[in-house]
Structure formats: structure tokens, C-alpha cells
Amino acid sequence: MALVAELLGEAILGQAMDGMNWIAIAVDLSRYRGSNSYRRAAEDCLAELRACPPSPGFDHVEIPGEREYKMRTERLSKGIPIPPQTLQALKALGRRLGLKDADLLI
């Protein structure tokens, strides 16, 4: 994809732009198929990717964004883990700034 972006960018803008390795494409999908049909086709494509055998050392194939979505969901429900040393340092800083432990949200 980066090569395609570079080729398109350079073809459109010429060599005046250095490092033109990005591109934005907007497509009106409704001109081709309905949103439900597109969603089903996209999910089928992703299911096919997930069904691929994982590389050695991995237990499954991940789709970009899935790990981040899972982590966000987990952290919204359980909070963000803070290493004990960092937590103690934050509490000590709060006390130095005049906060009581009860005032700290940590």
C-alpha cells in the first residue's frame, strides 16, 4: 500500500513533494452496493483472514485494530493498570502537592 501511495502521490503532485508516502481515498460505497451487503462482504473477507494459519509463535491471526479494541474495552471496564512503583510515585507527588490519599483518584 505504501508503494501504491508513493506512486499515486508522485504521479499526481510530481517530485516536488518529498516522502509522499500517504494517500486518502474516499469512496461512496452506496454507488456499488448497500451498506448491509458491504458489511457482510467485509466480514466474510475478515473471517477468511482470521482462518489463515498463524505464523510460528502465534496462536491466531489478528486483524489490525482488534488488539486495540480489546484493550480499550478491557481498560474501560477494569481501568488502566499502573505498575506499583509508578503508583507509589504518583501518590507521593500528590502528597507533596498537598493532596490527601482520600483526594487521589488512584
N, C-alpha and C. Protein backbone atom coordinates (compact mmCIF):
# COMPACT_ATOMS: atom_id res chain seq x y z
N MET A 1 0.82 -1.19 0.00
CA MET A 1 0.00 0.00 0.00
C MET A 1 0.87 1.25 0.00
N ALA A 2 1.98 1.22 0.74
CA ALA A 2 2.85 2.39 0.78
C ALA A 2 3.42 2.69 -0.60
N LEU A 3 3.76 1.64 -1.35
CA LEU A 3 4.29 1.84 -2.70
C LEU A 3 3.22 2.43 -3.61
N VAL A 4 2.00 1.94 -3.51
CA VAL A 4 0.90 2.48 -4.30
C VAL A 4 0.69 3.95 -3.97
N ALA A 5 0.70 4.29 -2.68
CA ALA A 5 0.52 5.68 -2.26
C ALA A 5 1.65 6.55 -2.81
N GLU A 6 2.86 6.06 -2.75
CA GLU A 6 4.02 6.81 -3.27
C GLU A 6 3.88 7.04 -4.77
N LEU A 7 3.51 6.00 -5.50
CA LEU A 7 3.37 6.12 -6.95
C LEU A 7 2.24 7.08 -7.32
N LEU A 8 1.11 6.96 -6.66
CA LEU A 8 -0.01 7.86 -6.94
C LEU A 8 0.34 9.30 -6.56
N GLY A 9 0.91 9.47 -5.38
CA GLY A 9 1.27 10.81 -4.93
C GLY A 9 2.25 11.48 -5.85
N GLU A 10 3.26 10.76 -6.27
CA GLU A 10 4.27 11.33 -7.16
C GLU A 10 3.68 11.57 -8.55
N ALA A 11 2.80 10.67 -8.98
CA ALA A 11 2.18 10.85 -10.30
C ALA A 11 1.27 12.07 -10.30
N ILE A 12 0.60 12.33 -9.20
CA ILE A 12 -0.32 13.46 -9.13
C ILE A 12 0.42 14.77 -8.86
N LEU A 13 1.31 14.76 -7.88
CA LEU A 13 1.94 16.00 -7.44
C LEU A 13 3.34 16.21 -8.01
N GLY A 14 3.91 15.21 -8.62
CA GLY A 14 5.26 15.33 -9.13
C GLY A 14 6.28 15.16 -8.01
N GLN A 15 7.54 15.31 -8.33
CA GLN A 15 8.60 15.08 -7.37
C GLN A 15 8.83 16.25 -6.43
N ALA A 16 8.01 17.28 -6.51
CA ALA A 16 8.17 18.43 -5.61
C ALA A 16 7.92 18.04 -4.16
N MET A 17 7.13 17.03 -3.94
CA MET A 17 6.82 16.58 -2.58
C MET A 17 7.73 15.42 -2.23
N ASP A 18 8.56 15.59 -1.24
CA ASP A 18 9.47 14.53 -0.82
C ASP A 18 8.79 13.65 0.23
N GLY A 19 8.97 12.36 0.15
CA GLY A 19 8.39 11.45 1.14
C GLY A 19 6.88 11.39 1.07
N MET A 20 6.34 11.42 -0.11
CA MET A 20 4.89 11.42 -0.29
C MET A 20 4.38 9.99 -0.19
N ASN A 21 4.42 9.42 1.02
CA ASN A 21 4.02 8.03 1.18
C ASN A 21 2.70 7.90 1.94
N TRP A 22 1.75 8.77 1.63
CA TRP A 22 0.43 8.69 2.22
C TRP A 22 -0.60 9.02 1.15
N ILE A 23 -1.80 8.58 1.42
CA ILE A 23 -2.88 8.85 0.48
C ILE A 23 -4.21 8.69 1.22
N ALA A 24 -5.19 9.45 0.81
CA ALA A 24 -6.54 9.31 1.35
C ALA A 24 -7.47 9.08 0.16
N ILE A 25 -8.29 8.06 0.26
CA ILE A 25 -9.22 7.74 -0.81
C ILE A 25 -10.62 7.70 -0.21
N ALA A 26 -11.54 8.41 -0.82
CA ALA A 26 -12.94 8.41 -0.37
C ALA A 26 -13.77 7.73 -1.45
N VAL A 27 -14.56 6.76 -1.03
CA VAL A 27 -15.39 6.02 -1.97
C VAL A 27 -16.82 6.01 -1.44
N ASP A 28 -17.76 6.39 -2.29
CA ASP A 28 -19.17 6.33 -1.93
C ASP A 28 -19.64 4.90 -2.21
N LEU A 29 -19.62 4.07 -1.18
CA LEU A 29 -19.94 2.64 -1.34
C LEU A 29 -21.38 2.42 -1.79
N SER A 30 -22.26 3.36 -1.48
CA SER A 30 -23.67 3.19 -1.86
C SER A 30 -23.85 3.16 -3.38
N ARG A 31 -22.87 3.63 -4.12
CA ARG A 31 -22.95 3.56 -5.59
C ARG A 31 -22.74 2.13 -6.09
N TYR A 32 -22.19 1.26 -5.23
CA TYR A 32 -21.85 -0.09 -5.65
C TYR A 32 -22.73 -1.16 -5.01
N ARG A 33 -23.03 -0.98 -3.74
CA ARG A 33 -23.85 -1.96 -3.02
C ARG A 33 -24.36 -1.33 -1.75
N GLY A 34 -25.37 -1.93 -1.17
CA GLY A 34 -25.94 -1.42 0.07
C GLY A 34 -24.99 -1.62 1.24
N SER A 35 -25.21 -0.86 2.32
CA SER A 35 -24.30 -0.94 3.46
C SER A 35 -24.32 -2.32 4.12
N ASN A 36 -25.48 -2.97 4.18
CA ASN A 36 -25.54 -4.32 4.77
C ASN A 36 -24.77 -5.32 3.93
N SER A 37 -24.90 -5.20 2.62
CA SER A 37 -24.19 -6.09 1.71
C SER A 37 -22.68 -5.89 1.84
N TYR A 38 -22.27 -4.63 1.91
CA TYR A 38 -20.84 -4.33 2.07
C TYR A 38 -20.32 -4.88 3.40
N ARG A 39 -21.09 -4.67 4.47
CA ARG A 39 -20.68 -5.15 5.79
C ARG A 39 -20.50 -6.68 5.78
N ARG A 40 -21.45 -7.39 5.16
CA ARG A 40 -21.34 -8.85 5.08
C ARG A 40 -20.10 -9.26 4.28
N ALA A 41 -19.85 -8.59 3.16
CA ALA A 41 -18.68 -8.92 2.34
C ALA A 41 -17.39 -8.64 3.10
N ALA A 42 -17.37 -7.53 3.83
CA ALA A 42 -16.17 -7.19 4.61
C ALA A 42 -15.95 -8.21 5.72
N GLU A 43 -17.01 -8.59 6.41
CA GLU A 43 -16.90 -9.59 7.49
C GLU A 43 -16.46 -10.94 6.93
N ASP A 44 -16.95 -11.31 5.75
CA ASP A 44 -16.51 -12.56 5.11
C ASP A 44 -15.02 -12.51 4.81
N CYS A 45 -14.56 -11.38 4.29
CA CYS A 45 -13.14 -11.22 3.98
C CYS A 45 -12.30 -11.31 5.26
N LEU A 46 -12.74 -10.65 6.34
CA LEU A 46 -12.00 -10.70 7.60
C LEU A 46 -12.02 -12.11 8.20
N ALA A 47 -13.15 -12.80 8.07
CA ALA A 47 -13.24 -14.18 8.58
C ALA A 47 -12.25 -15.08 7.84
N GLU A 48 -12.11 -14.86 6.55
CA GLU A 48 -11.15 -15.64 5.76
C GLU A 48 -9.72 -15.37 6.24
N LEU A 49 -9.41 -14.12 6.53
CA LEU A 49 -8.07 -13.80 7.04
C LEU A 49 -7.84 -14.43 8.41
N ARG A 50 -8.85 -14.36 9.28
CA ARG A 50 -8.72 -14.94 10.63
C ARG A 50 -8.54 -16.46 10.57
N ALA A 51 -9.08 -17.09 9.53
CA ALA A 51 -8.99 -18.55 9.40
C ALA A 51 -7.63 -19.00 8.89
N CYS A 52 -6.78 -18.08 8.46
CA CYS A 52 -5.44 -18.45 7.98
C CYS A 52 -4.62 -19.02 9.13
N PRO A 53 -3.72 -19.94 8.83
CA PRO A 53 -2.85 -20.45 9.89
C PRO A 53 -1.93 -19.35 10.39
N PRO A 54 -1.76 -19.22 11.69
CA PRO A 54 -0.88 -18.17 12.22
C PRO A 54 0.59 -18.51 11.99
N SER A 55 1.41 -17.49 12.01
CA SER A 55 2.85 -17.68 11.90
C SER A 55 3.36 -18.43 13.12
N PRO A 56 4.49 -19.11 13.00
CA PRO A 56 5.06 -19.80 14.16
C PRO A 56 5.24 -18.84 15.33
N GLY A 57 4.85 -19.29 16.51
CA GLY A 57 4.97 -18.47 17.71
C GLY A 57 3.72 -17.68 18.03
N PHE A 58 2.72 -17.73 17.17
CA PHE A 58 1.46 -17.03 17.40
C PHE A 58 0.33 -18.05 17.45
N ASP A 59 -0.70 -17.75 18.24
CA ASP A 59 -1.80 -18.71 18.35
C ASP A 59 -2.98 -18.37 17.46
N HIS A 60 -3.02 -17.15 16.89
CA HIS A 60 -4.09 -16.81 15.96
C HIS A 60 -3.69 -15.60 15.11
N VAL A 61 -4.43 -15.39 14.04
CA VAL A 61 -4.20 -14.25 13.15
C VAL A 61 -5.03 -13.09 13.66
N GLU A 62 -4.41 -11.92 13.74
CA GLU A 62 -5.13 -10.72 14.19
C GLU A 62 -5.34 -9.77 13.02
N ILE A 63 -6.46 -9.10 13.08
CA ILE A 63 -6.79 -8.06 12.11
C ILE A 63 -6.37 -6.74 12.74
N PRO A 64 -5.76 -5.83 11.97
CA PRO A 64 -5.36 -4.53 12.55
C PRO A 64 -6.53 -3.86 13.28
N GLY A 65 -6.25 -3.43 14.49
CA GLY A 65 -7.25 -2.75 15.31
C GLY A 65 -7.94 -3.64 16.33
N GLU A 66 -7.92 -4.96 16.12
CA GLU A 66 -8.62 -5.87 17.05
C GLU A 66 -7.98 -5.84 18.44
N ARG A 67 -6.67 -5.89 18.50
CA ARG A 67 -5.98 -5.89 19.79
C ARG A 67 -6.28 -4.59 20.55
N GLU A 68 -6.25 -3.48 19.81
CA GLU A 68 -6.51 -2.18 20.44
C GLU A 68 -7.96 -2.09 20.93
N TYR A 69 -8.90 -2.61 20.14
CA TYR A 69 -10.31 -2.61 20.54
C TYR A 69 -10.50 -3.44 21.81
N LYS A 70 -9.89 -4.62 21.84
CA LYS A 70 -9.99 -5.48 23.02
C LYS A 70 -9.40 -4.79 24.25
N MET A 71 -8.23 -4.16 24.07
CA MET A 71 -7.57 -3.49 25.19
C MET A 71 -8.41 -2.31 25.67
N ARG A 72 -8.98 -1.55 24.76
CA ARG A 72 -9.82 -0.40 25.13
C ARG A 72 -11.03 -0.86 25.94
N THR A 73 -11.69 -1.91 25.45
CA THR A 73 -12.86 -2.45 26.14
C THR A 73 -12.49 -2.92 27.54
N GLU A 74 -11.38 -3.64 27.65
CA GLU A 74 -10.92 -4.14 28.94
C GLU A 74 -10.57 -3.00 29.89
N ARG A 75 -9.88 -2.01 29.39
CA ARG A 75 -9.46 -0.91 30.26
C ARG A 75 -10.61 0.00 30.65
N LEU A 76 -11.62 0.11 29.80
CA LEU A 76 -12.80 0.88 30.20
C LEU A 76 -13.54 0.19 31.34
N SER A 77 -13.52 -1.14 31.36
CA SER A 77 -14.24 -1.86 32.41
C SER A 77 -13.39 -2.10 33.66
N LYS A 78 -12.08 -2.32 33.49
CA LYS A 78 -11.22 -2.67 34.62
C LYS A 78 -10.25 -1.57 35.03
N GLY A 79 -10.12 -0.53 34.21
CA GLY A 79 -9.16 0.52 34.49
C GLY A 79 -7.83 0.25 33.81
N ILE A 80 -6.94 1.22 33.91
CA ILE A 80 -5.62 1.12 33.29
C ILE A 80 -4.64 0.64 34.34
N PRO A 81 -3.98 -0.48 34.08
CA PRO A 81 -3.03 -0.99 35.07
C PRO A 81 -1.83 -0.04 35.23
N ILE A 82 -1.48 0.21 36.47
CA ILE A 82 -0.33 1.07 36.77
C ILE A 82 0.65 0.25 37.61
N PRO A 83 1.91 0.17 37.18
CA PRO A 83 2.88 -0.58 37.97
C PRO A 83 2.95 -0.02 39.40
N PRO A 84 3.11 -0.88 40.42
CA PRO A 84 3.12 -0.44 41.82
C PRO A 84 4.10 0.70 42.09
N GLN A 85 5.28 0.63 41.51
CA GLN A 85 6.27 1.69 41.74
C GLN A 85 5.77 3.03 41.20
N THR A 86 5.16 3.01 40.03
CA THR A 86 4.63 4.23 39.45
C THR A 86 3.48 4.77 40.29
N LEU A 87 2.62 3.88 40.78
CA LEU A 87 1.50 4.28 41.62
C LEU A 87 2.01 4.96 42.90
N GLN A 88 3.02 4.38 43.52
CA GLN A 88 3.58 4.97 44.73
C GLN A 88 4.19 6.34 44.45
N ALA A 89 4.87 6.48 43.31
CA ALA A 89 5.46 7.76 42.93
C ALA A 89 4.38 8.81 42.70
N LEU A 90 3.27 8.43 42.08
CA LEU A 90 2.17 9.36 41.85
C LEU A 90 1.53 9.79 43.17
N LYS A 91 1.36 8.83 44.07
CA LYS A 91 0.78 9.16 45.38
C LYS A 91 1.71 10.10 46.16
N ALA A 92 3.00 9.83 46.11
CA ALA A 92 3.97 10.68 46.80
C ALA A 92 3.95 12.09 46.22
N LEU A 93 3.85 12.21 44.91
CA LEU A 93 3.77 13.51 44.27
C LEU A 93 2.50 14.24 44.72
N GLY A 94 1.39 13.52 44.76
CA GLY A 94 0.14 14.12 45.22
C GLY A 94 0.26 14.65 46.64
N ARG A 95 0.90 13.88 47.52
CA ARG A 95 1.08 14.33 48.91
C ARG A 95 1.96 15.58 48.96
N ARG A 96 3.03 15.60 48.16
CA ARG A 96 3.91 16.78 48.12
C ARG A 96 3.16 18.01 47.62
N LEU A 97 2.16 17.79 46.79
CA LEU A 97 1.36 18.90 46.27
C LEU A 97 0.20 19.27 47.20
N GLY A 98 0.13 18.58 48.35
CA GLY A 98 -0.87 18.92 49.35
C GLY A 98 -2.15 18.10 49.28
N LEU A 99 -2.17 17.06 48.49
CA LEU A 99 -3.36 16.22 48.43
C LEU A 99 -3.29 15.12 49.47
N LYS A 100 -4.43 14.76 50.00
CA LYS A 100 -4.51 13.63 50.92
C LYS A 100 -4.82 12.38 50.10
N ASP A 101 -4.48 11.23 50.63
CA ASP A 101 -4.73 9.98 49.90
C ASP A 101 -6.20 9.87 49.49
N ALA A 102 -7.10 10.35 50.33
CA ALA A 102 -8.53 10.26 50.02
C ALA A 102 -8.89 11.13 48.81
N ASP A 103 -8.08 12.17 48.54
CA ASP A 103 -8.35 13.06 47.40
C ASP A 103 -7.85 12.48 46.09
N LEU A 104 -6.95 11.53 46.19
CA LEU A 104 -6.37 10.95 44.97
C LEU A 104 -7.35 9.98 44.32
N LEU A 105 -7.45 10.02 43.03
CA LEU A 105 -8.35 9.12 42.30
C LEU A 105 -7.68 7.77 42.05
N ILE A 106 -6.49 7.62 42.51
CA ILE A 106 -5.72 6.41 42.25
C ILE A 106 -5.96 5.40 43.34
